Amino acid sequence: MLFAELGWRQVWRKLTAGLAGMPVASPSVGALSQARRRLTVKPLRWLFELLRGPAAVAAGAGVRWRGLLVCAIDGTTMSVPDTGANLRMFTTQPGNHGGSGYPLLRLLALTACGTRGIIDAVFGPTSSGETTYVQQLTRSLHQGMIVLGDRNFDNGELINAIAATQAHLLVRLKSNRKLPVLARYPDGSYLSQIGATQVRVVQAEITIATSAGRATGSYRLVTTLLDHHLYPAFALVTLYHQRWEVEMCQPQCTHIRGRAA
């Protein structure tokens, strides 16, 4: 719910704050709770449908890259109230230290990196993996976008589904993924194929420096942007850093998760 950290009376005061000078009811906590239960989650769904999107800004850092709206897809798990209805839909997770105390849901969001606006989101039981839910997000992909994803989205069927929407993609490959080299380009990238989709593979060595020291690792990125003149390898590696913006948006999604009926 909205204002999840507040009690019912505090929520009521926030919602009626703009009605100063008008007669306002003062319902009890129990009455507010019962009214909220009667309301169900439909108003929040309508609110999400009204507000979701990349946000209307003319320009800004990270909003567009070479004419493409920069987006990212990522997933997380979230706890929901420990109710009978939720336990019938969402389960707790086992673990070495007792697992999760509350039922968990899996949530995936499509985010506009430059504005951190939520374009679309889907959720369900954790028994289904991220790639299952990503298929539902393809309804919001279209020409003029570039979608960034981590190695969980290195899935041939999924890459083909995203490419079919005419959105472009930039996804990290798993280390064991073997791809044919169809042509090599001067910037070090090469042309390859995943299923029915022609892709370009970019190899990079990335060093991360923190107070604990430095760590260097090799990355391979795959993209549907095939022109190495318009989209050079180094520029694509730099663009991929923006994928982390999606991590900043996941807390917003707690406002749109619903309860089981």
Protein backbone atom coordinates (compact mmCIF):
# COMPACT_ATOMS: atom_id res chain seq x y z
CA MET A 1 0.00 0.00 0.00
CA LEU A 2 0.98 3.66 -0.19
CA PHE A 3 2.53 5.11 3.00
CA ALA A 4 3.29 1.55 4.11
CA GLU A 5 5.45 2.80 6.99
CA LEU A 6 2.59 4.79 8.57
CA GLY A 7 -0.38 3.82 10.72
CA TRP A 8 -3.99 4.20 9.55
CA ARG A 9 -4.60 7.53 11.31
CA GLN A 10 -1.39 9.02 9.87
CA VAL A 11 -2.39 7.88 6.39
CA TRP A 12 -5.83 9.45 6.85
CA ARG A 13 -4.25 12.75 7.91
CA LYS A 14 -2.03 12.76 4.81
CA LEU A 15 -4.95 12.05 2.50
CA THR A 16 -7.10 14.79 4.01
CA ALA A 17 -4.34 17.39 4.52
CA GLY A 18 -5.56 19.44 1.57
CA LEU A 19 -9.09 19.77 2.96
CA ALA A 20 -8.26 22.39 5.60
CA GLY A 21 -11.32 24.45 6.54
CA MET A 22 -13.75 21.74 5.44
CA PRO A 23 -15.57 19.33 7.73
CA VAL A 24 -13.59 16.08 7.73
CA ALA A 25 -14.66 12.81 9.34
CA SER A 26 -12.46 11.23 11.98
CA PRO A 27 -12.90 7.47 11.52
CA SER A 28 -11.43 4.97 13.94
CA VAL A 29 -8.47 2.74 13.10
CA GLY A 30 -10.84 -0.24 12.82
CA ALA A 31 -13.15 1.61 10.42
CA LEU A 32 -10.24 2.65 8.21
CA SER A 33 -8.90 -0.88 8.14
CA GLN A 34 -12.27 -2.33 7.15
CA ALA A 35 -12.80 0.35 4.49
CA ARG A 36 -9.37 -0.40 3.01
CA ARG A 37 -10.25 -4.08 2.86
CA ARG A 38 -13.50 -3.34 1.01
CA LEU A 39 -11.62 -1.12 -1.43
CA THR A 40 -9.29 -3.95 -2.59
CA VAL A 41 -6.20 -3.26 -4.70
CA LYS A 42 -8.03 -1.95 -7.79
CA PRO A 43 -7.42 1.79 -7.13
CA LEU A 44 -3.68 1.18 -6.83
CA ARG A 45 -3.69 -0.75 -10.09
CA TRP A 46 -5.52 2.12 -11.78
CA LEU A 47 -3.02 4.57 -10.29
CA PHE A 48 -0.10 2.52 -11.60
CA GLU A 49 -1.60 2.34 -15.09
CA LEU A 50 -2.10 6.11 -15.02
CA LEU A 51 1.41 6.99 -13.85
CA ARG A 52 3.64 4.29 -15.27
CA GLY A 53 6.02 5.31 -18.02
CA PRO A 54 9.46 6.81 -18.62
CA ALA A 55 8.36 10.30 -17.32
CA ALA A 56 8.10 13.28 -19.63
CA VAL A 57 11.46 15.05 -19.77
CA ALA A 58 12.93 16.83 -22.76
CA ALA A 59 16.49 15.72 -22.06
CA GLY A 60 18.78 14.66 -19.29
CA ALA A 61 21.75 12.49 -18.47
CA GLY A 62 21.08 8.85 -19.30
CA VAL A 63 17.55 9.35 -20.66
CA ARG A 64 18.47 8.62 -24.27
CA TRP A 65 21.55 7.15 -25.88
CA ARG A 66 22.09 7.88 -29.58
CA GLY A 67 18.36 8.42 -30.01
CA LEU A 68 17.25 5.34 -28.04
CA LEU A 69 15.34 5.43 -24.75
CA VAL A 70 17.62 3.66 -22.24
CA CYS A 71 15.73 1.05 -20.20
CA ALA A 72 16.65 -1.87 -17.95
CA ILE A 73 14.91 -4.99 -16.71
CA ASP A 74 15.75 -6.55 -13.38
CA GLY A 75 14.09 -8.68 -10.72
CA THR A 76 13.98 -9.01 -6.97
CA THR A 77 12.01 -10.79 -4.24
CA MET A 78 9.83 -9.05 -1.68
CA SER A 79 8.06 -10.17 1.45
CA VAL A 80 4.28 -9.83 1.81
CA PRO A 81 2.08 -10.03 4.94
CA ASP A 82 1.90 -13.45 6.59
CA THR A 83 -1.79 -14.08 5.88
CA GLY A 84 -3.60 -17.23 4.89
CA ALA A 85 -4.47 -15.81 1.48
CA ASN A 86 -0.86 -14.89 0.78
CA LEU A 87 0.44 -18.26 1.98
CA ARG A 88 -1.87 -19.97 -0.51
CA MET A 89 -0.24 -18.04 -3.37
CA PHE A 90 3.27 -17.19 -2.14
CA THR A 91 5.51 -19.49 -0.13
CA THR A 92 8.30 -18.93 2.37
CA GLN A 93 11.79 -19.87 1.27
CA PRO A 94 13.99 -22.54 2.88
CA GLY A 95 17.49 -21.62 4.02
CA ASN A 96 20.38 -22.55 6.29
CA HIS A 97 19.25 -20.01 8.89
CA GLY A 98 15.54 -20.69 8.86
CA GLY A 99 14.71 -19.18 5.47
CA SER A 100 12.35 -16.26 5.02
CA GLY A 101 9.89 -15.53 7.82
CA TYR A 102 7.27 -14.10 5.48
CA PRO A 103 5.87 -15.27 2.15
CA LEU A 104 7.90 -14.00 -0.79
CA LEU A 105 6.90 -12.86 -4.26
CA ARG A 106 9.13 -12.39 -7.29
CA LEU A 107 8.90 -8.99 -8.99
CA LEU A 108 10.36 -7.81 -12.28
CA ALA A 109 10.35 -4.20 -13.43
CA LEU A 110 11.06 -2.45 -16.72
CA THR A 111 12.63 0.90 -15.83
CA ALA A 112 13.62 4.03 -17.74
CA CYS A 113 17.20 4.49 -16.51
CA GLY A 114 17.47 8.25 -16.96
CA THR A 115 14.35 9.13 -14.95
CA ARG A 116 14.04 5.94 -12.88
CA GLY A 117 10.41 5.81 -13.95
CA ILE A 118 8.68 2.41 -13.83
CA ILE A 119 7.39 1.58 -17.31
CA ASP A 120 5.91 -1.79 -16.40
CA ALA A 121 6.11 -4.39 -13.64
CA VAL A 122 4.90 -7.93 -13.09
CA PHE A 123 5.01 -10.23 -10.07
CA GLY A 124 3.99 -13.68 -8.93
CA PRO A 125 5.18 -16.71 -6.96
CA THR A 126 8.91 -17.35 -6.65
CA SER A 127 8.32 -20.84 -8.08
CA SER A 128 8.62 -19.19 -11.51
CA GLY A 129 11.96 -17.73 -12.56
CA GLU A 130 12.81 -14.27 -13.85
CA THR A 131 12.86 -15.29 -17.52
CA THR A 132 9.24 -16.46 -17.21
CA TYR A 133 8.06 -13.08 -16.00
CA VAL A 134 10.16 -11.12 -18.50
CA GLN A 135 8.01 -12.54 -21.29
CA GLN A 136 5.09 -10.53 -19.85
CA LEU A 137 7.12 -7.31 -19.99
CA THR A 138 7.66 -7.57 -23.75
CA ARG A 139 4.16 -6.04 -24.13
CA SER A 140 5.73 -2.69 -23.14
CA LEU A 141 8.77 -2.88 -25.45
CA HIS A 142 8.81 -1.14 -28.81
CA GLN A 143 10.99 0.45 -31.44
CA GLY A 144 13.16 3.29 -30.15
CA MET A 145 14.19 1.54 -26.92
CA ILE A 146 17.38 -0.18 -25.84
CA VAL A 147 16.93 -2.65 -22.98
CA LEU A 148 19.81 -3.50 -20.63
CA GLY A 149 19.84 -6.82 -18.78
CA ASP A 150 22.15 -8.90 -16.62
CA ARG A 151 23.31 -12.45 -17.39
CA ASN A 152 20.06 -13.95 -16.03
CA PHE A 153 18.53 -12.77 -19.30
CA ASP A 154 21.06 -14.59 -21.46
CA ASN A 155 18.32 -16.82 -22.82
CA GLY A 156 17.90 -17.52 -26.52
CA GLU A 157 14.10 -17.59 -26.48
CA LEU A 158 13.97 -14.37 -24.49
CA ILE A 159 16.49 -12.56 -26.70
CA ASN A 160 14.44 -13.52 -29.75
CA ALA A 161 11.22 -12.32 -28.06
CA ILE A 162 12.74 -8.91 -27.21
CA ALA A 163 14.16 -8.53 -30.71
CA ALA A 164 10.71 -9.30 -32.17
CA THR A 165 9.32 -6.16 -30.46
CA GLN A 166 11.86 -4.08 -32.49
CA ALA A 167 13.40 -2.80 -29.25
CA HIS A 168 17.18 -3.20 -29.11
CA LEU A 169 18.97 -5.01 -26.30
CA LEU A 170 22.30 -5.02 -24.50
CA VAL A 171 22.67 -8.08 -22.27
CA ARG A 172 25.59 -9.64 -20.44
CA LEU A 173 26.36 -13.18 -21.57
CA LYS A 174 27.00 -16.11 -19.25
CA SER A 175 30.59 -17.34 -19.19
CA ASN A 176 29.66 -20.75 -20.64
CA ARG A 177 27.72 -19.35 -23.61
CA LYS A 178 29.44 -20.38 -26.88
CA LEU A 179 28.59 -18.39 -30.00
CA PRO A 180 29.80 -18.65 -33.61
CA VAL A 181 32.01 -15.86 -34.97
CA LEU A 182 30.48 -14.81 -38.32
CA ALA A 183 32.51 -11.64 -38.87
CA ARG A 184 35.01 -9.55 -36.91
CA TYR A 185 34.98 -5.75 -36.66
CA PRO A 186 37.82 -3.23 -36.12
CA ASP A 187 36.55 -2.27 -32.62
CA GLY A 188 37.09 -5.85 -31.39
CA SER A 189 33.42 -6.88 -31.51
CA TYR A 190 32.13 -9.64 -33.74
CA LEU A 191 28.92 -10.68 -35.49
CA SER A 192 27.12 -13.79 -34.27
CA GLN A 193 23.70 -15.44 -34.12
CA ILE A 194 21.35 -16.46 -31.30
CA GLY A 195 18.39 -18.41 -32.68
CA ALA A 196 16.79 -16.29 -35.40
CA THR A 197 18.43 -13.07 -34.17
CA GLN A 198 21.68 -11.63 -35.49
CA VAL A 199 23.69 -10.11 -32.65
CA ARG A 200 27.01 -8.42 -32.03
CA VAL A 201 29.26 -9.55 -29.20
CA VAL A 202 31.42 -7.08 -27.29
CA GLN A 203 34.20 -8.32 -25.00
CA ALA A 204 35.48 -6.11 -22.20
CA GLU A 205 37.73 -6.25 -19.17
CA ILE A 206 36.22 -4.28 -16.28
CA THR A 207 38.02 -3.24 -13.10
CA ILE A 208 36.02 -2.35 -9.98
CA ALA A 209 37.83 -0.27 -7.35
CA THR A 210 36.48 -0.03 -3.79
CA SER A 211 37.90 0.70 -0.36
CA ALA A 212 38.49 -3.05 -0.04
CA GLY A 213 40.69 -3.15 -3.14
CA ARG A 214 40.42 -3.72 -6.89
CA ALA A 215 38.87 -6.60 -8.78
CA THR A 216 39.10 -7.23 -12.51
CA GLY A 217 36.81 -9.46 -14.54
CA SER A 218 35.99 -10.23 -18.15
CA TYR A 219 32.54 -9.44 -19.50
CA ARG A 220 30.86 -10.31 -22.78
CA LEU A 221 27.92 -8.22 -23.86
CA VAL A 222 25.52 -9.07 -26.66
CA THR A 223 23.52 -6.46 -28.58
CA THR A 224 21.19 -6.21 -31.55
CA LEU A 225 22.94 -2.96 -32.56
CA LEU A 226 25.01 -4.39 -35.40
CA ASP A 227 26.63 -1.25 -36.85
CA HIS A 228 30.06 -0.89 -35.23
CA HIS A 229 30.49 2.59 -36.75
CA LEU A 230 27.32 4.02 -35.13
CA TYR A 231 27.60 1.97 -31.93
CA PRO A 232 31.29 1.29 -31.16
CA ALA A 233 32.21 -1.33 -28.58
CA PHE A 234 33.63 1.06 -25.98
CA ALA A 235 30.45 3.20 -26.06
CA LEU A 236 28.32 0.09 -25.47
CA VAL A 237 30.42 -0.96 -22.48
CA THR A 238 30.05 2.53 -21.02
CA LEU A 239 26.28 2.44 -21.63
CA TYR A 240 25.93 -0.88 -19.82
CA HIS A 241 26.90 0.82 -16.53
CA GLN A 242 23.47 2.47 -16.54
CA ARG A 243 21.86 -0.90 -15.83
CA TRP A 244 22.46 -0.22 -12.13
CA GLU A 245 19.79 2.51 -12.20
CA VAL A 246 17.15 -0.21 -12.09
CA GLU A 247 18.41 -1.24 -8.64
CA MET A 248 17.45 2.21 -7.35
CA CYS A 249 13.89 1.82 -8.60
CA GLN A 250 12.93 -1.49 -7.01
CA PRO A 251 11.82 0.06 -3.68
CA GLN A 252 9.17 2.01 -5.61
CA CYS A 253 7.59 -1.26 -6.69
CA THR A 254 6.52 -2.03 -3.11
CA HIS A 255 3.73 0.47 -3.74
CA ILE A 256 2.20 -1.58 -6.55
CA ARG A 257 2.38 -5.10 -5.15
CA GLY A 258 -1.03 -6.46 -4.33
CA ARG A 259 -2.24 -9.06 -1.91
CA ALA A 260 -3.65 -12.39 -2.89
CA ALA A 261 -7.42 -12.34 -3.18
